[in-house]
Amino acid sequence: MPKIPYILAAPAIALSIAYPSVASAPQFETPAPVAFMEDLSSGAVLYEKDADRRMPPASLAKMMTVYVAFDLVKRGELKLDQEFEVRPETWKKWHGPAAGSTMFLSSGEKVSVANLLYGIVTLSGNDACVVLAEGISGTEDAFVQRMNEAAKRLGLTNSHFGTSNGWPDNGVTYVTARDLAKLAAATITDHPKLYKQFYSRPDFTWGKTMGSGSAITQANRDPLLGRVAGADGLKTGHTEEAGYGFTGSAEQNGRRLVMVLAGLTSFNQRISESVRFMDWGFRAWQAKPVVKEGRKVADAEVQMGSSSKVGLVAPRDLKVALPAGAVPVLSAKVVYQGPIKAPIKAGDHVADLIVTSPGLPEQTLPLVADKDVGAAGFFGRAWAGLTGLFG
């Protein structure tokens, strides 16, 4: 039986509020030519400006290098205490002022994966990226293939990577603000412990100065750290071609926002605009609860299962993002590709609650199965086959 989109009313949810009104999204103006913000807690896109423009990422590409490494660590194929040696050829290429941001690695030294990741995230080290890529895959080109495979898997449909560090490559490497936000969201949700460990460090010390041999400490360039409550990542980028860019995230009172700004003209402008943009996201919008954790919203049809239906429940307290002070009319529908094929595990994300309101962005919230549904036995499968044949 082919799967088709099922769209159901959400009778278990009363979303209309007293004294409703038509709301409009809060206005925001920025000199950044490219901007994007999403509320991950509600799935609402709060702001977008040329968010699908292909552009050079500069060091924002390093987010994908880190994501690939995190994936390998999670699968047990890479260990944080594993060490890679800095090849003399790699050191020579990525040493000196012409090589951009550096971790100040030394030729022949052995560096742990954890320290290379700090060197990439905190220091934006171009050398650290290439050493990590070569250590994992043998060559940087082979590692870049992993980056593009991960991009495809994550649905980054408008991005392509040609290097591990985002160094200018005549347009081979490009991204969009929407795709960068997807990558940031995937990093946070797929690898929460590693994200917390590596992305919010204020500074990192590695390498020695010439002559005196003093330790080199460099600060994290993240413009939100220490300026916006709950800020904990992600990555800045800058080249003459790309301008000054930033992909950032912060969480306040259970709401997590992801933002992207690109094409800014200076280091200081990146700081001021990033802080202003994130503050707007938290102050101009508010969270409204719509479904309590564990509450059943609807039933979904099940194919070839021990039960013909499965309940759809909220996996957490579900909230939508609304303009501060607004009381709009909200409507909701349940959407899933079905019938959902058994077996199903309790807690599997099998459907979405789509909340809409005139003048506001559509918001997509997850619904999960309320119980296990096993595969049907022989007679159940035979009966399902017969009913499929005769409608």
Protein backbone atom coordinates (compact mmCIF):
# COMPACT_ATOMS: atom_id res chain seq x y z
CA MET A 1 0.00 0.00 0.00
CA PRO A 2 1.56 3.33 -1.01
CA LYS A 3 2.04 6.00 1.63
CA ILE A 4 0.05 9.18 1.18
CA PRO A 5 -0.11 12.39 3.22
CA TYR A 6 -2.76 12.10 5.94
CA ILE A 7 -4.19 15.39 7.18
CA LEU A 8 -6.38 15.30 10.28
CA ALA A 9 -8.12 17.92 12.34
CA ALA A 10 -6.76 18.19 15.87
CA PRO A 11 -9.94 17.80 17.94
CA ALA A 12 -8.07 17.30 21.21
CA ILE A 13 -6.63 20.81 21.08
CA ALA A 14 -8.54 24.00 21.70
CA LEU A 15 -6.29 26.66 20.18
CA SER A 16 -8.63 29.62 19.95
CA ILE A 17 -7.96 32.19 22.65
CA ALA A 18 -10.22 34.77 24.24
CA TYR A 19 -10.37 38.10 22.38
CA PRO A 20 -8.45 36.81 19.35
CA SER A 21 -7.03 39.12 16.73
CA VAL A 22 -5.08 38.90 13.48
CA ALA A 23 -1.40 39.31 14.29
CA SER A 24 1.49 40.35 12.12
CA ALA A 25 5.12 39.34 12.49
CA PRO A 26 7.28 41.90 14.34
CA GLN A 27 9.43 44.02 12.03
CA PHE A 28 13.21 43.94 12.03
CA GLU A 29 15.71 45.77 9.83
CA THR A 30 19.36 44.84 9.42
CA PRO A 31 22.15 46.05 7.15
CA ALA A 32 23.20 42.43 6.67
CA PRO A 33 22.34 41.41 3.09
CA VAL A 34 21.54 37.89 4.29
CA ALA A 35 19.75 37.02 7.54
CA PHE A 36 17.74 34.12 8.95
CA MET A 37 16.29 33.16 12.34
CA GLU A 38 14.38 30.07 13.42
CA ASP A 39 12.78 29.19 16.74
CA LEU A 40 13.80 25.54 17.12
CA SER A 41 11.30 25.06 19.92
CA SER A 42 8.34 25.74 17.62
CA GLY A 43 9.77 25.30 14.13
CA ALA A 44 8.78 28.88 13.27
CA VAL A 45 10.95 30.90 10.91
CA LEU A 46 10.92 34.27 12.66
CA TYR A 47 12.89 36.17 10.03
CA GLU A 48 14.44 35.63 6.62
CA LYS A 49 16.21 37.91 4.19
CA ASP A 50 17.61 36.35 1.00
CA ALA A 51 18.01 33.13 3.00
CA ASP A 52 18.42 30.92 -0.08
CA ARG A 53 21.16 32.98 -1.74
CA ARG A 54 24.23 30.87 -2.46
CA MET A 55 27.26 32.47 -0.84
CA PRO A 56 30.82 31.60 0.24
CA PRO A 57 30.77 30.43 3.87
CA ALA A 58 34.32 31.30 4.91
CA SER A 59 34.92 29.63 8.30
CA LEU A 60 31.23 28.83 8.75
CA ALA A 61 32.06 25.74 6.65
CA LYS A 62 33.97 24.44 9.68
CA MET A 63 30.61 23.68 11.32
CA MET A 64 30.26 20.78 8.85
CA THR A 65 33.77 19.53 9.61
CA VAL A 66 32.88 19.51 13.30
CA TYR A 67 29.51 17.83 12.64
CA VAL A 68 31.17 15.00 10.71
CA ALA A 69 33.67 14.50 13.54
CA PHE A 70 30.88 14.52 16.14
CA ASP A 71 29.04 11.85 14.12
CA LEU A 72 32.11 9.63 14.05
CA VAL A 73 32.64 10.07 17.80
CA LYS A 74 29.00 9.19 18.45
CA ARG A 75 29.30 6.01 16.36
CA GLY A 76 32.50 4.98 18.14
CA GLU A 77 34.63 5.30 14.99
CA LEU A 78 36.65 8.21 16.39
CA LYS A 79 37.86 8.82 19.93
CA LEU A 80 38.41 12.23 21.50
CA ASP A 81 41.76 11.13 22.96
CA GLN A 82 42.95 9.71 19.63
CA GLU A 83 46.00 11.60 18.31
CA PHE A 84 46.88 12.74 14.79
CA GLU A 85 50.31 13.92 13.68
CA VAL A 86 50.78 17.23 11.90
CA ARG A 87 52.32 16.44 8.53
CA PRO A 88 55.19 18.77 7.51
CA GLU A 89 53.45 19.54 4.21
CA THR A 90 50.25 20.51 6.00
CA TRP A 91 52.11 22.67 8.51
CA LYS A 92 53.96 24.46 5.70
CA LYS A 93 50.75 25.24 3.79
CA TRP A 94 48.81 26.47 6.83
CA HIS A 95 51.55 28.34 8.66
CA GLY A 96 52.05 32.10 8.60
CA PRO A 97 49.91 35.22 8.08
CA ALA A 98 48.77 34.19 4.57
CA ALA A 99 47.12 31.06 5.98
CA GLY A 100 44.42 32.92 7.88
CA SER A 101 43.28 31.87 11.35
CA THR A 102 45.55 29.27 12.90
CA MET A 103 45.78 27.07 15.95
CA PHE A 104 49.60 27.49 15.86
CA LEU A 105 50.28 23.80 15.41
CA SER A 106 53.87 22.64 15.00
CA SER A 107 55.21 20.32 12.34
CA GLY A 108 55.40 16.73 13.56
CA GLU A 109 53.52 17.26 16.81
CA LYS A 110 50.74 14.87 17.79
CA VAL A 111 47.43 16.43 18.77
CA SER A 112 44.30 14.79 20.18
CA VAL A 113 40.98 14.96 18.37
CA ALA A 114 39.55 16.90 21.31
CA ASN A 115 42.22 19.58 21.08
CA LEU A 116 41.86 19.81 17.31
CA LEU A 117 38.12 20.34 17.79
CA TYR A 118 38.80 23.13 20.30
CA GLY A 119 41.24 24.56 17.79
CA ILE A 120 38.55 24.55 15.10
CA VAL A 121 35.57 25.77 17.14
CA THR A 122 37.23 28.26 19.49
CA LEU A 123 40.20 29.43 17.42
CA SER A 124 38.83 28.82 13.89
CA GLY A 125 42.13 27.16 13.03
CA ASN A 126 42.49 26.41 9.32
CA ASP A 127 45.45 24.18 10.17
CA ALA A 128 43.42 22.25 12.75
CA CYS A 129 40.70 21.49 10.18
CA VAL A 130 43.11 20.02 7.66
CA VAL A 131 45.01 17.97 10.26
CA LEU A 132 41.72 16.55 11.55
CA ALA A 133 40.47 15.84 8.00
CA GLU A 134 43.69 14.07 7.01
CA GLY A 135 43.77 12.12 10.25
CA ILE A 136 40.21 10.86 9.78
CA SER A 137 40.15 10.16 6.05
CA GLY A 138 43.76 10.10 4.88
CA THR A 139 43.38 13.14 2.64
CA GLU A 140 41.40 16.35 2.88
CA ASP A 141 39.61 15.53 -0.40
CA ALA A 142 38.39 12.21 1.02
CA PHE A 143 37.14 13.97 4.13
CA VAL A 144 35.32 16.57 2.02
CA GLN A 145 33.38 13.70 0.45
CA ARG A 146 32.15 12.84 3.95
CA MET A 147 31.11 16.47 4.42
CA ASN A 148 29.03 16.45 1.25
CA GLU A 149 27.46 13.10 2.12
CA ALA A 150 26.46 14.51 5.51
CA ALA A 151 25.09 17.64 3.84
CA LYS A 152 22.89 15.51 1.59
CA ARG A 153 21.70 13.41 4.53
CA LEU A 154 20.78 16.54 6.50
CA GLY A 155 18.84 18.03 3.59
CA LEU A 156 21.23 20.90 2.88
CA THR A 157 19.97 21.14 -0.68
CA ASN A 158 21.74 24.39 -1.56
CA SER A 159 25.20 23.75 -0.15
CA HIS A 160 28.42 22.13 -1.36
CA PHE A 161 31.83 21.82 0.27
CA GLY A 162 35.21 21.83 -1.45
CA THR A 163 37.50 22.22 1.58
CA SER A 164 37.42 21.31 5.26
CA ASN A 165 37.96 24.90 6.44
CA GLY A 166 36.03 27.12 4.01
CA TRP A 167 39.13 28.63 2.41
CA PRO A 168 38.18 30.46 -0.84
CA ASP A 169 38.12 28.00 -3.76
CA ASN A 170 36.65 29.89 -6.72
CA GLY A 171 33.05 29.11 -5.86
CA VAL A 172 33.33 25.35 -5.35
CA THR A 173 32.23 25.82 -1.74
CA TYR A 174 28.90 27.54 -1.19
CA VAL A 175 26.10 27.55 1.38
CA THR A 176 22.86 29.38 2.16
CA ALA A 177 21.69 30.91 5.41
CA ARG A 178 18.80 28.43 5.58
CA ASP A 179 21.18 25.49 5.19
CA LEU A 180 23.55 26.89 7.83
CA ALA A 181 20.65 27.09 10.27
CA LYS A 182 19.74 23.47 9.47
CA LEU A 183 23.33 22.43 10.12
CA ALA A 184 23.39 24.32 13.41
CA ALA A 185 20.10 22.73 14.49
CA ALA A 186 21.36 19.25 13.58
CA THR A 187 24.55 19.80 15.56
CA ILE A 188 22.60 20.86 18.63
CA THR A 189 19.93 18.15 18.48
CA ASP A 190 22.00 15.21 17.21
CA HIS A 191 25.03 15.80 19.48
CA PRO A 192 23.90 17.77 22.54
CA LYS A 193 26.71 16.63 24.85
CA LEU A 194 29.47 17.27 22.34
CA TYR A 195 27.89 20.59 21.41
CA LYS A 196 27.88 21.66 25.04
CA GLN A 197 31.47 20.50 25.53
CA PHE A 198 33.04 22.22 22.52
CA TYR A 199 30.97 25.18 21.36
CA SER A 200 30.83 27.61 24.28
CA ARG A 201 34.44 27.72 25.44
CA PRO A 202 35.46 31.41 25.85
CA ASP A 203 39.12 30.86 24.90
CA PHE A 204 41.72 28.18 24.23
CA THR A 205 45.47 27.99 24.67
CA TRP A 206 47.74 26.22 22.18
CA GLY A 207 51.16 26.84 20.69
CA LYS A 208 54.14 28.96 21.74
CA THR A 209 55.33 32.38 20.66
CA MET A 210 58.61 32.75 18.80
CA GLY A 211 61.50 33.82 20.99
CA SER A 212 60.04 33.88 24.51
CA GLY A 213 58.09 30.65 24.04
CA SER A 214 55.04 32.04 25.85
CA ALA A 215 51.79 30.11 25.59
CA ILE A 216 49.34 31.51 23.00
CA THR A 217 45.79 32.06 24.26
CA GLN A 218 43.14 33.14 21.77
CA ALA A 219 39.57 34.22 22.52
CA ASN A 220 36.45 32.72 20.97
CA ARG A 221 35.14 35.20 18.38
CA ASP A 222 31.48 34.27 19.01
CA PRO A 223 29.84 37.72 19.38
CA LEU A 224 27.01 36.45 21.60
CA LEU A 225 29.08 34.80 24.33
CA GLY A 226 28.98 36.98 27.42
CA ARG A 227 26.58 39.42 25.74
CA VAL A 228 23.33 37.44 25.36
CA ALA A 229 21.96 35.21 28.10
CA GLY A 230 21.93 31.54 27.16
CA ALA A 231 24.30 31.94 24.19
CA ASP A 232 26.36 28.77 23.64
CA GLY A 233 27.57 28.66 20.00
CA LEU A 234 28.27 28.39 17.07
CA LYS A 235 30.74 29.87 14.51
CA THR A 236 32.00 33.08 12.95
CA GLY A 237 33.51 33.46 9.50
CA HIS A 238 35.31 36.13 7.52
CA THR A 239 37.04 36.49 4.18
CA GLU A 240 37.24 39.47 1.84
CA GLU A 241 34.91 37.59 -0.52
CA ALA A 242 32.30 36.60 2.10
CA GLY A 243 32.43 39.58 4.45
CA TYR A 244 31.75 39.02 8.15
CA GLY A 245 29.28 36.26 8.99
CA PHE A 246 27.98 34.39 11.99
CA THR A 247 25.76 31.43 12.79
CA GLY A 248 24.69 31.52 16.44
CA SER A 249 22.34 29.99 18.96
CA ALA A 250 21.02 30.76 22.43
CA GLU A 251 18.44 29.24 24.77
CA GLN A 252 16.29 31.17 27.24
CA ASN A 253 13.45 29.74 29.34
CA GLY A 254 13.21 26.63 27.19
CA ARG A 255 13.20 28.53 23.87
CA ARG A 256 16.15 27.92 21.55
CA LEU A 257 16.80 30.24 18.63
CA VAL A 258 19.25 29.79 15.76
CA MET A 259 20.34 32.82 13.74
CA VAL A 260 22.48 33.48 10.68
CA LEU A 261 23.90 36.82 9.49
CA ALA A 262 26.18 37.14 6.47
CA GLY A 263 27.86 39.81 4.39
CA LEU A 264 28.46 42.34 7.15
CA THR A 265 31.22 44.89 6.66
CA SER A 266 33.26 44.79 9.88
CA PHE A 267 34.13 42.83 13.00
CA ASN A 268 32.33 45.36 15.23
CA GLN A 269 29.24 45.44 13.03
CA ARG A 270 29.05 41.65 13.32
CA ILE A 271 29.04 41.96 17.10
CA SER A 272 26.39 44.68 17.30
CA GLU A 273 24.06 43.17 14.69
CA SER A 274 24.32 39.64 16.10
CA VAL A 275 23.43 40.82 19.62
CA ARG A 276 20.63 43.05 18.35
CA PHE A 277 19.17 40.28 16.17
CA MET A 278 19.17 37.65 18.92
CA ASP A 279 17.74 40.08 21.46
CA TRP A 280 14.93 40.87 18.99
CA GLY A 281 14.17 37.17 18.61
CA PHE A 282 13.68 36.70 22.33
CA ARG A 283 11.97 40.04 23.10
CA ALA A 284 9.72 40.56 20.09
CA TRP A 285 8.39 36.99 20.21
CA GLN A 286 6.90 34.97 23.06
CA ALA A 287 6.20 31.29 23.60
CA LYS A 288 2.58 30.11 24.04
CA PRO A 289 1.91 26.56 25.31
CA VAL A 290 -0.46 24.56 23.09
CA VAL A 291 -0.12 20.89 24.15
CA LYS A 292 1.12 19.40 27.42
CA GLU A 293 3.73 16.65 27.36
CA GLY A 294 2.10 13.22 26.97
CA ARG A 295 -1.27 14.53 25.84
CA LYS A 296 -2.89 12.56 23.01
CA VAL A 297 -3.75 14.68 19.99
CA ALA A 298 -5.09 12.14 17.46
CA ASP A 299 -4.80 8.57 16.17
CA ALA A 300 -2.87 7.50 13.09
CA GLU A 301 -3.58 4.57 10.79
CA VAL A 302 -1.06 1.71 10.99
CA GLN A 303 -0.17 -0.66 8.15
CA MET A 304 0.69 -4.32 8.76
CA GLY A 305 0.67 -3.90 12.51
CA SER A 306 -0.63 -5.78 15.54
CA SER A 307 -2.93 -2.77 15.99
CA SER A 308 -4.64 -0.77 13.24
CA LYS A 309 -4.05 2.55 15.01
CA VAL A 310 -1.49 4.28 17.17
CA GLY A 311 -2.01 7.31 19.37
CA LEU A 312 -0.10 10.52 18.61
CA VAL A 313 1.13 12.35 21.70
CA ALA A 314 3.28 15.37 22.50
CA PRO A 315 6.87 14.32 23.34
CA ARG A 316 7.35 17.48 25.42
CA ASP A 317 5.38 20.59 26.30
CA LEU A 318 4.69 21.98 22.82
CA LYS A 319 4.74 25.76 22.36
CA VAL A 320 4.31 28.13 19.44
CA ALA A 321 6.09 31.43 18.85
CA LEU A 322 3.80 34.49 18.80
CA PRO A 323 4.49 38.22 18.60
CA ALA A 324 4.84 39.59 22.12
CA GLY A 325 1.47 40.74 23.39
CA ALA A 326 -0.51 39.29 20.47
CA VAL A 327 -3.57 37.07 20.95
CA PRO A 328 -4.21 35.61 17.50
CA VAL A 329 -6.59 32.86 16.37
CA LEU A 330 -4.63 29.63 15.93
CA SER A 331 -5.66 26.50 14.05
CA ALA A 332 -3.97 23.12 13.95
CA LYS A 333 -3.86 19.98 11.84
CA VAL A 334 -2.05 16.68 12.17
CA VAL A 335 0.00 15.54 9.17
CA TYR A 336 1.77 12.24 8.61
CA GLN A 337 2.79 9.95 5.75
CA GLY A 338 0.63 6.92 6.13
CA PRO A 339 -0.54 4.42 6.84
CA ILE A 340 2.50 4.21 9.14
CA LYS A 341 4.22 0.88 8.64
CA ALA A 342 4.74 -1.36 11.69
CA PRO A 343 6.75 -2.06 13.75
CA ILE A 344 6.59 1.22 15.66
CA LYS A 345 8.33 2.03 18.94
CA ALA A 346 6.78 4.22 21.61
CA GLY A 347 8.35 7.64 21.26
CA ASP A 348 9.04 7.36 17.52
CA HIS A 349 8.44 10.67 15.69
CA VAL A 350 5.69 9.62 13.29
CA ALA A 351 3.60 12.76 12.72
CA ASP A 352 3.61 16.54 13.00
CA LEU A 353 1.22 19.10 14.41
CA ILE A 354 1.05 22.06 12.01
CA VAL A 355 -0.11 25.27 13.70
CA THR A 356 -1.14 28.24 11.56
CA SER A 357 -2.48 31.74 12.04
CA PRO A 358 -3.09 34.55 9.50
CA GLY A 359 -0.06 36.80 9.18
CA LEU A 360 2.28 34.49 11.10
CA PRO A 361 4.74 31.77 10.00
CA GLU A 362 3.55 28.16 9.92
CA GLN A 363 4.92 26.19 12.86
CA THR A 364 5.67 22.47 12.85
CA LEU A 365 5.72 20.55 16.14
CA PRO A 366 6.57 16.84 16.53
CA LEU A 367 4.12 14.13 17.59
CA VAL A 368 5.28 10.68 18.66
CA ALA A 369 3.76 7.22 19.00
CA ASP A 370 2.16 6.57 22.39
CA LYS A 371 2.92 2.83 22.39
CA ASP A 372 4.79 0.02 20.69
CA VAL A 373 2.99 -1.52 17.72
CA GLY A 374 4.44 -4.83 16.58
CA ALA A 375 4.34 -6.23 13.09
CA ALA A 376 1.22 -8.24 12.26
CA GLY A 377 1.40 -12.03 12.29
CA PHE A 378 0.82 -14.23 9.24
CA PHE A 379 -2.97 -14.03 9.34
CA GLY A 380 -2.90 -10.31 9.95
CA ARG A 381 -0.66 -9.80 6.94
CA ALA A 382 -2.85 -12.02 4.81
CA TRP A 383 -5.97 -10.10 5.83
CA ALA A 384 -4.24 -6.79 5.15
CA GLY A 385 -3.28 -8.08 1.70
CA LEU A 386 -6.84 -9.06 0.93
CA THR A 387 -8.31 -5.77 2.11
CA GLY A 388 -5.68 -3.97 0.03
CA LEU A 389 -6.72 -5.91 -3.07
CA PHE A 390 -10.44 -5.28 -2.65
CA GLY A 391 -10.31 -1.82 -1.08
